[in-house]
Protein backbone atom coordinates (compact mmCIF):
# COMPACT_ATOMS: atom_id res chain seq x y z
CA UNK A 1 104.20 0.52 -44.94
CA UNK A 2 103.42 -0.85 -48.35
CA UNK A 3 105.90 -0.67 -51.16
CA UNK A 4 104.87 0.74 -54.56
CA UNK A 5 103.96 -2.66 -56.09
CA UNK A 6 101.72 -3.61 -53.16
CA UNK A 7 100.11 -0.17 -53.18
CA UNK A 8 99.37 -0.49 -56.92
CA UNK A 9 97.80 -3.93 -56.44
CA UNK A 10 95.72 -2.60 -53.54
CA UNK A 11 94.49 0.39 -55.58
CA UNK A 12 93.56 -1.87 -58.52
CA UNK A 13 91.68 -4.20 -56.19
CA UNK A 14 89.82 -1.25 -54.66
CA UNK A 15 88.85 0.06 -58.13
CA UNK A 16 87.62 -3.39 -59.21
CA UNK A 17 85.62 -3.77 -56.03
CA UNK A 18 84.09 -0.30 -56.42
CA UNK A 19 83.06 -1.17 -59.95
CA UNK A 20 81.60 -4.56 -58.97
CA UNK A 21 79.84 -3.56 -55.74
CA UNK A 22 79.19 0.20 -55.39
CA UNK A 23 76.80 -0.34 -52.47
CA UNK A 24 79.61 -1.89 -50.42
CA UNK A 25 81.81 1.10 -51.20
CA UNK A 26 79.10 3.50 -49.97
CA UNK A 27 78.73 1.51 -46.76
CA UNK A 28 82.47 1.49 -46.16
CA UNK A 29 82.78 5.22 -46.81
CA UNK A 30 79.90 5.93 -44.44
CA UNK A 31 81.73 4.00 -41.73
CA UNK A 32 80.60 1.75 -38.93
CA UNK A 33 78.22 3.28 -36.45
CA UNK A 34 77.00 6.09 -38.65
CA UNK A 35 73.70 4.50 -39.47
CA UNK A 36 70.26 5.71 -38.56
CA UNK A 37 71.01 5.45 -34.82
CA UNK A 38 68.69 2.51 -34.23
CA UNK A 39 71.41 0.49 -32.46
CA UNK A 40 72.20 3.38 -30.15
CA UNK A 41 68.52 3.87 -29.34
CA UNK A 42 68.17 0.18 -28.50
CA UNK A 43 71.26 0.31 -26.29
CA UNK A 44 70.03 3.42 -24.46
CA UNK A 45 66.61 1.83 -23.96
CA UNK A 46 68.07 -1.41 -22.56
CA UNK A 47 70.40 0.44 -20.18
CA UNK A 48 67.58 2.73 -19.11
CA UNK A 49 65.21 -0.17 -18.36
CA UNK A 50 67.86 -2.06 -16.39
CA UNK A 51 68.70 1.03 -14.33
CA UNK A 52 65.06 1.90 -13.69
CA UNK A 53 64.20 -1.64 -12.58
CA UNK A 54 67.26 -1.70 -10.31
CA UNK A 55 66.46 1.69 -8.80
CA UNK A 56 62.83 0.76 -8.22
CA UNK A 57 63.95 -2.50 -6.61
CA UNK A 58 66.15 -0.42 -4.31
CA UNK A 59 63.09 1.78 -3.61
CA UNK A 60 64.58 4.90 -5.22
CA UNK A 61 61.72 6.18 -7.43
CA UNK A 62 63.10 9.72 -7.69
CA UNK A 63 66.37 8.50 -9.15
CA UNK A 64 64.45 6.14 -11.46
CA UNK A 65 62.45 9.09 -12.80
CA UNK A 66 65.68 11.02 -13.36
CA UNK A 67 67.13 8.07 -15.31
CA UNK A 68 63.99 7.96 -17.47
CA UNK A 69 64.20 11.68 -18.22
CA UNK A 70 67.90 11.51 -19.10
CA UNK A 71 67.29 8.38 -21.18
CA UNK A 72 64.51 10.09 -23.14
CA UNK A 73 66.89 13.00 -23.75
CA UNK A 74 69.46 10.61 -25.21
CA UNK A 75 66.79 8.92 -27.33
CA UNK A 76 65.71 12.28 -28.72
CA UNK A 77 69.34 13.16 -29.44
CA UNK A 78 69.71 9.92 -31.39
CA UNK A 79 66.71 10.68 -33.58
CA UNK A 80 63.79 9.05 -31.79
CA UNK A 81 60.50 10.67 -32.72
CA UNK A 82 57.78 10.06 -30.14
CA UNK A 83 55.02 11.04 -32.58
CA UNK A 84 55.66 7.84 -34.52
CA UNK A 85 54.72 5.78 -31.49
CA UNK A 86 51.44 7.50 -30.65
CA UNK A 87 48.66 5.05 -31.47
CA UNK A 88 46.44 6.03 -34.37
CA UNK A 89 43.45 6.10 -31.99
CA UNK A 90 44.98 9.01 -30.10
CA UNK A 91 45.79 11.04 -33.20
CA UNK A 92 43.17 13.44 -34.50
CA UNK A 93 41.71 12.39 -37.84
CA UNK A 94 42.06 14.83 -40.69
CA UNK A 95 38.60 13.86 -41.94
CA UNK A 96 36.78 14.96 -38.80
CA UNK A 97 35.31 18.47 -38.89
CA UNK A 98 36.66 20.89 -36.32
CA UNK A 99 40.18 19.54 -36.10
């Protein structure tokens, strides 16, 4: 534990740092791993691809399909939005009549 003098110095340092760099304070309060989930989505995608390739190499396509479905569920849970990845060619244009 810190004694009172050390605690006072630490509190003063924290106040000075908060005044000098408020963005750092916001990042520290938010914590590590509470970002937009991009790192988690990348990790899920990498694990999913490795498992699918391994299962296909072992000639287990049913299990590979199951891994893909579970992986997509995790991606959706971590904020992935498939509509962002649909090419513009496949999206209906707002300018066209009848859409």
